[in-house]
Amino acid sequence: MGACVEAPPPAPPGAPADGRILEAPQEPQGAADAPTAEPAGPHCETARFWSESGQSGATVVLSGIIEGEGAGAVSKLILLDLVAEDSEQVVWGFTCDRPGVFSVSVPAELGAVRLSVWLDATGDGPSDDDAQGALPGLVIATEDLGALAVSVRAP
């Protein structure tokens, strides 16, 4: 009998579209053997408006986790916007299919922004009945930003 050889695991969901592979956080020893009810991390992508904008150039990776009150009840999209701190205008947006650990590529040098999050359980876009959260004070320059944590709360 020959030995079985396992194929390497597929690239993690939410990996940047430019083909770079990001390393996932290391699991504690023995964690891989423990049963888990949660699926792999969310699938995230640039929102259609921005992906069709034709913007190109250098990118950085934002990675972190979306968690908190109402995060387990979402059945539609998670909407994330990067909002310029000085003008309150949305400068980039992306969506994820569920809460959890995320990783997305965004244009470099967006400047000072706030990451705003809505858990859109009804699929009607951001509204007052959606759980929401924000992470102010981010500066997107030329380096990746990791370990971001956004807590959301029900209205």
Protein backbone atom coordinates (compact mmCIF):
# COMPACT_ATOMS: atom_id res chain seq x y z
CA MET A 1 0.00 0.00 0.00
CA GLY A 2 1.24 3.46 -0.90
CA ALA A 3 1.20 6.40 1.44
CA CYS A 4 -1.57 8.98 1.03
CA VAL A 5 -0.42 12.49 0.29
CA GLU A 6 -2.73 15.31 1.19
CA ALA A 7 -3.05 18.31 -1.10
CA PRO A 8 -2.14 21.66 0.47
CA PRO A 9 -5.09 23.63 1.85
CA PRO A 10 -6.72 26.22 -0.45
CA ALA A 11 -5.92 29.92 -0.07
CA PRO A 12 -7.87 31.48 2.81
CA PRO A 13 -11.14 33.28 2.04
CA GLY A 14 -10.70 37.03 1.73
CA ALA A 15 -7.14 36.76 0.40
CA PRO A 16 -6.18 39.85 -1.61
CA ALA A 17 -7.21 39.85 -5.27
CA ASP A 18 -3.66 40.63 -6.41
CA GLY A 19 -2.62 37.06 -5.62
CA ARG A 20 -0.64 37.72 -2.44
CA ILE A 21 -1.18 35.12 0.24
CA LEU A 22 -1.51 36.32 3.80
CA GLU A 23 -0.59 34.08 6.68
CA ALA A 24 -3.48 33.17 8.94
CA PRO A 25 -3.06 33.61 12.69
CA GLN A 26 -1.52 30.54 14.29
CA GLU A 27 -3.95 28.30 16.16
CA PRO A 28 -3.06 27.11 19.65
CA GLN A 29 -1.63 23.62 19.67
CA GLY A 30 -4.43 21.04 19.53
CA ALA A 31 -6.99 23.59 18.29
CA ALA A 32 -7.13 21.96 14.86
CA ASP A 33 -8.39 18.74 16.48
CA ALA A 34 -11.14 20.48 18.46
CA PRO A 35 -14.61 20.43 16.88
CA THR A 36 -15.83 23.83 15.74
CA ALA A 37 -19.29 25.04 14.79
CA GLU A 38 -18.02 28.11 12.97
CA PRO A 39 -17.07 28.07 9.28
CA ALA A 40 -13.80 29.49 7.99
CA GLY A 41 -13.42 33.27 7.98
CA PRO A 42 -15.71 35.50 5.95
CA HIS A 43 -15.35 36.09 2.24
CA CYS A 44 -14.73 39.81 1.67
CA GLU A 45 -14.51 41.79 -1.55
CA THR A 46 -14.42 45.37 -2.78
CA ALA A 47 -17.92 46.83 -3.14
CA ARG A 48 -19.08 46.96 -6.77
CA PHE A 49 -19.07 50.78 -6.95
CA TRP A 50 -15.37 50.88 -6.06
CA SER A 51 -14.33 47.85 -8.11
CA GLU A 52 -15.86 49.47 -11.20
CA SER A 53 -14.22 52.85 -10.50
CA GLY A 54 -11.10 51.89 -12.44
CA GLN A 55 -8.84 52.96 -9.59
CA SER A 56 -5.48 51.22 -9.72
CA GLY A 57 -2.10 51.58 -8.08
CA ALA A 58 -0.48 50.58 -4.83
CA THR A 59 -2.58 48.79 -2.24
CA VAL A 60 -2.30 47.91 1.43
CA VAL A 61 -4.01 45.15 3.38
CA LEU A 62 -6.44 45.81 6.22
CA SER A 63 -7.03 42.82 8.46
CA GLY A 64 -8.80 42.25 11.73
CA ILE A 65 -12.02 40.97 13.23
CA ILE A 66 -15.67 42.03 13.30
CA GLU A 67 -17.39 40.92 16.49
CA GLY A 68 -19.91 41.95 19.09
CA GLU A 69 -23.61 42.15 19.82
CA GLY A 70 -25.70 41.06 16.86
CA ALA A 71 -22.68 39.75 14.95
CA GLY A 72 -23.87 36.15 15.03
CA ALA A 73 -27.35 36.95 13.70
CA VAL A 74 -26.41 38.48 10.35
CA SER A 75 -27.85 36.66 7.37
CA LYS A 76 -26.99 39.04 4.54
CA LEU A 77 -23.96 41.26 3.99
CA ILE A 78 -21.63 43.10 6.25
CA LEU A 79 -21.03 46.53 4.77
CA LEU A 80 -17.76 48.26 5.55
CA ASP A 81 -16.88 51.81 4.52
CA LEU A 82 -13.70 53.78 4.91
CA VAL A 83 -14.83 57.34 5.64
CA ALA A 84 -12.43 60.29 5.40
CA GLU A 85 -12.07 61.85 8.86
CA ASP A 86 -11.88 65.39 7.46
CA SER A 87 -14.75 65.33 4.94
CA GLU A 88 -17.04 62.47 6.12
CA GLN A 89 -17.05 61.16 2.52
CA VAL A 90 -16.75 57.46 1.81
CA VAL A 91 -13.39 56.86 0.10
CA TRP A 92 -13.55 53.06 -0.24
CA GLY A 93 -15.95 50.26 0.61
CA PHE A 94 -16.11 46.50 0.78
CA THR A 95 -18.49 43.77 1.86
CA CYS A 96 -18.09 40.52 3.78
CA ASP A 97 -20.54 37.64 3.91
CA ARG A 98 -20.37 37.20 7.69
CA PRO A 99 -18.60 38.48 10.83
CA GLY A 100 -15.23 37.15 11.90
CA VAL A 101 -11.62 37.59 10.84
CA PHE A 102 -11.27 39.59 7.62
CA SER A 103 -8.51 40.65 5.24
CA VAL A 104 -8.97 43.04 2.30
CA SER A 105 -6.81 45.07 -0.08
CA VAL A 106 -7.54 48.81 -0.28
CA PRO A 107 -5.78 51.65 -2.11
CA ALA A 108 -2.69 52.96 -0.34
CA GLU A 109 -2.52 56.54 0.92
CA LEU A 110 -6.20 57.08 1.65
CA GLY A 111 -5.15 59.10 4.68
CA ALA A 112 -7.04 59.44 7.97
CA VAL A 113 -10.22 57.35 7.90
CA ARG A 114 -12.82 55.74 10.08
CA LEU A 115 -13.87 52.13 9.40
CA SER A 116 -17.68 52.04 9.66
CA VAL A 117 -19.47 48.67 9.82
CA TRP A 118 -23.14 47.70 9.39
CA LEU A 119 -24.45 44.17 9.84
CA ASP A 120 -27.15 44.26 7.18
CA ALA A 121 -29.44 41.44 8.37
CA THR A 122 -32.33 42.49 6.10
CA GLY A 123 -30.32 43.14 2.91
CA ASP A 124 -31.64 46.69 2.47
CA GLY A 125 -28.35 48.56 2.91
CA PRO A 126 -27.23 50.56 5.94
CA SER A 127 -30.19 51.53 8.10
CA ASP A 128 -31.06 52.45 11.68
CA ASP A 129 -32.17 48.88 12.46
CA ASP A 130 -28.75 47.36 11.66
CA ALA A 131 -26.13 46.54 14.26
CA GLN A 132 -23.33 49.07 13.77
CA GLY A 133 -19.80 49.80 14.83
CA ALA A 134 -16.89 52.05 13.95
CA LEU A 135 -13.15 52.18 14.36
CA PRO A 136 -11.92 55.80 14.10
CA GLY A 137 -8.37 57.06 13.88
CA LEU A 138 -6.94 54.81 11.16
CA VAL A 139 -4.31 56.26 8.87
CA ILE A 140 -3.93 54.39 5.61
CA ALA A 141 -0.52 55.17 4.13
CA THR A 142 1.84 52.64 2.53
CA GLU A 143 1.99 49.93 5.21
CA ASP A 144 -0.52 47.15 5.91
CA LEU A 145 -2.74 47.57 8.98
CA GLY A 146 -3.51 44.45 11.01
CA ALA A 147 -5.08 43.37 14.28
CA LEU A 148 -8.02 45.76 13.78
CA ALA A 149 -10.99 44.97 16.00
CA VAL A 150 -14.42 46.42 15.28
CA SER A 151 -17.17 45.82 17.82
CA VAL A 152 -20.76 46.17 16.67
CA ARG A 153 -23.87 46.79 18.75
CA ALA A 154 -27.53 46.36 18.01
CA PRO A 155 -29.49 49.62 17.77
